[in-house]
Amino acid sequence: MKADINKIQQVVSKFLPSGTVLSENTSIDNSVIQGSVKLHLMYGELADMGYKIDDFTVISTFGDLLNTINGISTITKSVKQSESVNIGSADALNKQVITGNIGDNLNVGIDIIKIVQLPVVDDYRENSFYTENFSQEEISYCLLKSSPIHSFAGKFAAKEAIVKSDSSFKGKPFKDIQIKYNTFMQPYFGNFSLSISHDEEYAVAIAIKNENHLAGSKNDEIRAIQKNFESKVNKKEIELEKLIKKAGSKKNNIWVIISLVLNIGIIAFLLYNYLILKTK
């Protein structure tokens, strides 16, 4: 599909400061478009026109946008810009000292948005802003709330907080950052603990990435395996005691003796696995 530059300009211009003259070098990123919601809205409108951008975080200027729509990569330019910034700030970054207990450090992100920034639409399942930023499960969840727009706003803020907590999620489609709830109806995503709140005007969210979460889960898994081994060993010990008593009354029964040896071998194997897991 050939890009309709005039229509693209009309959409982009709506989100730029009044009086901005749009050219290929005009910045259209968050340096001039304040608030991530506006950026997502702009690219949502472009998606409605057929110009879906997979990762708009690499787009800095209107020229970058046109190149992306026309299939020309802007990554090389972005990388060069990033390298020039890194070179200038490398010494300063290397001199930074992180205080506190490094082993217990947590990455924290926070975001707040105005709820009125989110569009109120007839069908949230069809609108590009919502389908690009929320999974179908999340949309269904929000639609069951008394005020869906407040619920959407809280989830959106949580996704932004996650990105701020862990920059590796920058550029990842928001609909893939799916906010779920545990049995206590507390929101979470992966190994992020989340807190979401809102009033009539604002929604706010905090994301905390717990680096020890996965390790803790692994330890729980190992403890469960060990407990299972211990249970099996106990059962075999009971069987062994019965066999010993039985062997005492039937000393000439060769099959009892063979069973006795096999059970001793099984217990030795279980104990070996138990000790190996415990030392890992």
Protein backbone atom coordinates (compact mmCIF):
# COMPACT_ATOMS: atom_id res chain seq x y z
CA MET A 1 0.00 0.00 0.00
CA LYS A 2 1.36 3.37 -1.02
CA ALA A 3 1.66 5.73 1.91
CA ASP A 4 -0.70 8.70 1.92
CA ILE A 5 1.70 11.31 3.30
CA ASN A 6 -0.98 13.97 3.67
CA LYS A 7 -3.17 11.79 5.88
CA ILE A 8 -0.16 10.68 7.91
CA GLN A 9 0.79 14.33 8.43
CA GLN A 10 -2.73 15.15 9.59
CA VAL A 11 -2.64 12.43 12.24
CA VAL A 12 0.86 13.27 13.51
CA SER A 13 0.21 17.03 13.57
CA LYS A 14 -2.69 16.54 16.01
CA PHE A 15 -0.27 15.32 18.67
CA LEU A 16 2.49 17.88 18.15
CA PRO A 17 2.66 21.27 19.90
CA SER A 18 0.58 23.95 18.22
CA GLY A 19 2.39 25.74 15.41
CA THR A 20 4.88 22.94 14.73
CA VAL A 21 5.98 22.87 11.10
CA LEU A 22 6.17 19.21 10.08
CA SER A 23 9.16 18.14 8.03
CA GLU A 24 11.30 15.02 7.77
CA ASN A 25 13.55 16.32 10.56
CA THR A 26 10.71 17.17 12.96
CA SER A 27 10.94 15.18 16.20
CA ILE A 28 7.85 13.11 16.92
CA ASP A 29 9.07 11.08 19.90
CA ASN A 30 8.48 11.63 23.61
CA SER A 31 10.85 14.59 23.62
CA VAL A 32 8.04 16.66 22.07
CA ILE A 33 4.94 14.52 22.57
CA GLN A 34 4.50 14.56 26.32
CA GLY A 35 2.95 11.46 27.84
CA SER A 36 3.20 7.90 26.59
CA VAL A 37 -0.57 7.69 26.18
CA LYS A 38 -0.45 10.31 23.42
CA LEU A 39 2.27 8.39 21.60
CA HIS A 40 0.27 5.18 21.78
CA LEU A 41 -2.84 7.03 20.63
CA MET A 42 -0.99 8.49 17.65
CA TYR A 43 0.31 5.12 16.53
CA GLY A 44 -3.11 3.62 17.22
CA GLU A 45 -4.68 6.06 14.77
CA LEU A 46 -1.99 5.27 12.22
CA ALA A 47 -2.73 1.56 12.69
CA ASP A 48 -6.42 2.26 12.01
CA MET A 49 -5.31 3.75 8.69
CA GLY A 50 -3.32 0.62 7.88
CA TYR A 51 0.12 1.84 8.99
CA LYS A 52 0.91 -0.53 11.86
CA ILE A 53 4.30 0.11 13.50
CA ASP A 54 5.69 -2.86 15.44
CA ASP A 55 8.21 -0.86 17.47
CA PHE A 56 7.83 2.91 17.46
CA THR A 57 10.50 3.40 20.14
CA VAL A 58 13.14 3.45 17.36
CA ILE A 59 11.37 6.34 15.59
CA SER A 60 12.66 9.80 16.43
CA THR A 61 11.60 11.99 13.52
CA PHE A 62 8.81 12.22 10.98
CA GLY A 63 11.32 11.07 8.38
CA ASP A 64 11.98 7.93 10.45
CA LEU A 65 8.24 7.26 10.49
CA LEU A 66 7.93 7.58 6.72
CA ASN A 67 10.96 5.34 6.22
CA THR A 68 9.48 2.70 8.53
CA ILE A 69 6.14 2.80 6.72
CA ASN A 70 7.97 2.45 3.41
CA GLY A 71 9.99 -0.47 4.73
CA ILE A 72 13.28 1.36 5.26
CA SER A 73 14.92 0.47 8.58
CA THR A 74 15.76 3.25 11.03
CA ILE A 75 17.69 1.00 13.42
CA THR A 76 21.13 1.92 12.07
CA LYS A 77 20.49 5.60 12.65
CA SER A 78 19.15 4.96 16.14
CA VAL A 79 22.16 2.84 17.03
CA LYS A 80 24.57 5.55 15.88
CA GLN A 81 22.73 8.16 17.94
CA SER A 82 22.85 5.85 20.94
CA GLU A 83 26.58 5.24 20.47
CA SER A 84 27.34 8.97 20.37
CA VAL A 85 25.43 9.49 23.60
CA ASN A 86 27.11 6.54 25.27
CA ILE A 87 30.58 7.69 24.29
CA GLY A 88 29.98 11.11 25.79
CA SER A 89 28.59 9.77 29.03
CA ALA A 90 30.63 6.59 29.51
CA ASP A 91 33.13 8.11 31.93
CA ALA A 92 30.38 9.65 34.05
CA LEU A 93 28.49 6.35 34.16
CA ASN A 94 31.61 4.41 35.12
CA LYS A 95 32.21 6.76 38.03
CA GLN A 96 28.77 6.22 39.54
CA VAL A 97 28.75 4.31 42.80
CA ILE A 98 25.74 2.24 43.77
CA THR A 99 25.26 2.19 47.52
CA GLY A 100 23.34 -0.26 49.68
CA ASN A 101 23.15 -4.00 49.72
CA ILE A 102 23.63 -5.00 46.09
CA GLY A 103 22.24 -8.48 46.70
CA ASP A 104 18.93 -7.02 47.84
CA ASN A 105 18.60 -4.28 45.20
CA LEU A 106 15.20 -3.96 43.54
CA ASN A 107 14.39 -2.27 40.26
CA VAL A 108 11.41 0.04 40.73
CA GLY A 109 9.26 1.79 38.13
CA ILE A 110 6.33 4.17 38.64
CA ASP A 111 3.88 5.79 36.26
CA ILE A 112 0.88 8.09 36.54
CA ILE A 113 -1.55 9.07 33.79
CA LYS A 114 -4.67 11.17 33.38
CA ILE A 115 -7.61 8.88 32.81
CA VAL A 116 -9.27 11.30 30.37
CA GLN A 117 -6.35 10.75 27.98
CA LEU A 118 -7.65 7.28 27.17
CA PRO A 119 -10.27 7.25 24.42
CA VAL A 120 -13.82 6.21 25.22
CA VAL A 121 -14.99 4.09 22.27
CA ASP A 122 -18.04 2.06 21.28
CA ASP A 123 -16.14 -1.23 20.91
CA TYR A 124 -12.94 -1.68 22.89
CA ARG A 125 -12.31 -5.01 21.18
CA GLU A 126 -12.01 -3.35 17.78
CA ASN A 127 -10.27 -0.04 18.53
CA SER A 128 -6.56 -0.14 17.59
CA PHE A 129 -5.39 1.71 20.71
CA TYR A 130 -6.83 -1.02 22.90
CA THR A 131 -6.06 -4.03 20.70
CA GLU A 132 -2.42 -2.90 20.36
CA ASN A 133 -1.92 -2.26 24.07
CA PHE A 134 -4.08 -4.88 25.80
CA SER A 135 -4.56 -8.60 25.31
CA GLN A 136 -8.06 -9.92 24.70
CA GLU A 137 -8.05 -11.35 28.23
CA GLU A 138 -7.21 -7.93 29.67
CA ILE A 139 -9.92 -6.26 27.60
CA SER A 140 -12.48 -8.80 28.82
CA TYR A 141 -11.37 -8.21 32.42
CA CYS A 142 -11.71 -4.43 32.13
CA LEU A 143 -15.11 -4.62 30.43
CA LEU A 144 -16.47 -6.49 33.44
CA LYS A 145 -15.61 -3.56 35.71
CA SER A 146 -18.10 -0.83 36.60
CA SER A 147 -15.78 1.71 34.94
CA PRO A 148 -13.73 -0.02 32.21
CA ILE A 149 -11.79 3.14 31.36
CA HIS A 150 -10.40 3.36 34.92
CA SER A 151 -9.34 -0.27 34.77
CA PHE A 152 -7.66 0.22 31.38
CA ALA A 153 -5.85 3.28 32.73
CA GLY A 154 -4.52 1.36 35.73
CA LYS A 155 -3.23 -1.47 33.54
CA PHE A 156 -1.65 0.96 31.10
CA ALA A 157 0.17 2.72 33.95
CA ALA A 158 1.37 -0.67 35.22
CA LYS A 159 2.82 -1.56 31.81
CA GLU A 160 4.67 1.76 31.70
CA ALA A 161 5.99 1.15 35.22
CA ILE A 162 7.28 -2.29 34.14
CA VAL A 163 9.18 -0.75 31.23
CA LYS A 164 10.68 1.85 33.55
CA SER A 165 11.67 -0.89 35.98
CA ASP A 166 13.29 -3.02 33.28
CA SER A 167 14.41 -1.32 30.06
CA SER A 168 14.64 -4.68 28.27
CA PHE A 169 10.86 -4.39 27.80
CA LYS A 170 11.25 -1.12 25.89
CA GLY A 171 9.83 -1.62 22.42
CA LYS A 172 7.90 -4.73 23.43
CA PRO A 173 4.22 -4.52 22.40
CA PHE A 174 2.15 -3.57 25.42
CA LYS A 175 -0.39 -6.31 24.66
CA ASP A 176 2.42 -8.83 25.31
CA ILE A 177 2.99 -7.36 28.77
CA GLN A 178 -0.12 -9.02 30.14
CA ILE A 179 -1.16 -8.07 33.66
CA LYS A 180 -2.56 -11.04 35.56
CA TYR A 181 -3.93 -11.61 39.06
CA ASN A 182 -3.10 -14.16 41.72
CA THR A 183 -5.60 -15.92 43.98
CA PHE A 184 -5.67 -12.85 46.24
CA MET A 185 -6.53 -10.65 43.21
CA GLN A 186 -3.16 -8.92 43.40
CA PRO A 187 -1.78 -7.83 40.01
CA TYR A 188 1.52 -9.19 38.77
CA PHE A 189 3.58 -9.76 35.63
CA GLY A 190 6.33 -12.37 35.54
CA ASN A 191 8.63 -11.67 38.46
CA PHE A 192 7.27 -8.14 38.92
CA SER A 193 5.19 -7.20 41.93
CA LEU A 194 2.64 -4.55 40.99
CA SER A 195 0.45 -2.06 42.79
CA ILE A 196 -2.28 -0.21 40.89
CA SER A 197 -4.55 2.56 42.15
CA HIS A 198 -6.77 5.25 40.67
CA ASP A 199 -9.28 7.93 41.53
CA GLU A 200 -11.63 9.86 39.28
CA GLU A 201 -8.84 11.69 37.43
CA TYR A 202 -5.60 9.73 37.69
CA ALA A 203 -4.30 6.17 37.61
CA VAL A 204 -0.97 5.30 39.18
CA ALA A 205 1.06 2.09 39.25
CA ILE A 206 4.30 0.87 40.77
CA ALA A 207 6.31 -2.10 39.48
CA ILE A 208 9.03 -3.80 41.49
CA LYS A 209 11.24 -6.39 39.85
CA ASN A 210 12.35 -8.95 42.37
CA GLU A 211 15.60 -10.50 41.16
CA ASN A 212 15.38 -13.21 43.81
CA HIS A 213 11.87 -14.27 42.81
CA LEU A 214 12.96 -16.93 40.33
CA ALA A 215 15.64 -18.26 42.65
CA GLY A 216 13.08 -18.49 45.42
CA SER A 217 10.71 -20.39 43.16
CA LYS A 218 13.51 -22.78 42.23
CA ASN A 219 14.33 -23.38 45.89
CA ASP A 220 10.66 -24.11 46.57
CA GLU A 221 10.65 -26.59 43.71
CA ILE A 222 13.79 -28.33 45.03
CA ARG A 223 12.34 -28.46 48.53
CA ALA A 224 9.20 -30.11 47.13
CA ILE A 225 11.31 -32.70 45.30
CA GLN A 226 13.32 -33.38 48.44
CA LYS A 227 10.15 -33.80 50.46
CA ASN A 228 8.90 -36.29 47.88
CA PHE A 229 12.17 -38.24 48.10
CA GLU A 230 11.98 -38.26 51.88
CA SER A 231 8.45 -39.63 51.70
CA LYS A 232 9.55 -42.40 49.35
CA VAL A 233 12.50 -43.29 51.57
CA ASN A 234 10.24 -43.51 54.61
CA LYS A 235 7.89 -45.86 52.78
CA LYS A 236 10.77 -48.06 51.68
CA GLU A 237 12.12 -48.15 55.22
CA ILE A 238 8.76 -49.45 56.45
CA GLU A 239 8.74 -52.09 53.71
CA LEU A 240 12.32 -53.01 54.61
CA GLU A 241 11.40 -53.51 58.26
CA LYS A 242 8.57 -55.84 57.24
CA LEU A 243 10.90 -57.80 54.97
CA ILE A 244 13.51 -58.14 57.72
CA LYS A 245 10.89 -59.59 60.05
CA LYS A 246 9.68 -61.86 57.30
CA ALA A 247 13.24 -62.97 56.46
CA GLY A 248 13.81 -63.80 60.13
CA SER A 249 10.93 -66.27 60.15
CA LYS A 250 11.78 -67.75 56.71
CA LYS A 251 15.55 -67.85 56.56
CA ASN A 252 15.60 -70.22 53.62
CA ASN A 253 13.27 -68.16 51.44
CA ILE A 254 15.59 -66.90 48.66
CA TRP A 255 12.98 -64.53 47.20
CA VAL A 256 12.63 -62.69 50.46
CA ILE A 257 16.39 -62.19 50.55
CA ILE A 258 16.41 -60.89 46.94
CA SER A 259 13.58 -58.44 47.76
CA LEU A 260 15.52 -57.31 50.79
CA VAL A 261 18.61 -56.54 48.69
CA LEU A 262 16.56 -54.70 46.03
CA ASN A 263 14.84 -52.49 48.60
CA ILE A 264 18.17 -51.64 50.19
CA GLY A 265 19.38 -50.61 46.71
CA ILE A 266 16.33 -48.43 46.11
CA ILE A 267 16.76 -46.66 49.43
CA ALA A 268 20.43 -46.05 48.62
CA PHE A 269 19.45 -44.57 45.25
CA LEU A 270 16.83 -42.28 46.79
CA LEU A 271 19.24 -41.11 49.46
CA TYR A 272 21.89 -40.40 46.79
CA ASN A 273 19.48 -38.24 44.78
CA TYR A 274 18.35 -36.47 47.92
CA LEU A 275 21.92 -35.57 48.90
CA ILE A 276 22.81 -34.43 45.37
CA LEU A 277 19.79 -32.07 45.23
CA LYS A 278 20.51 -30.75 48.69
CA THR A 279 24.05 -29.75 47.79
CA LYS A 280 23.10 -27.96 44.55
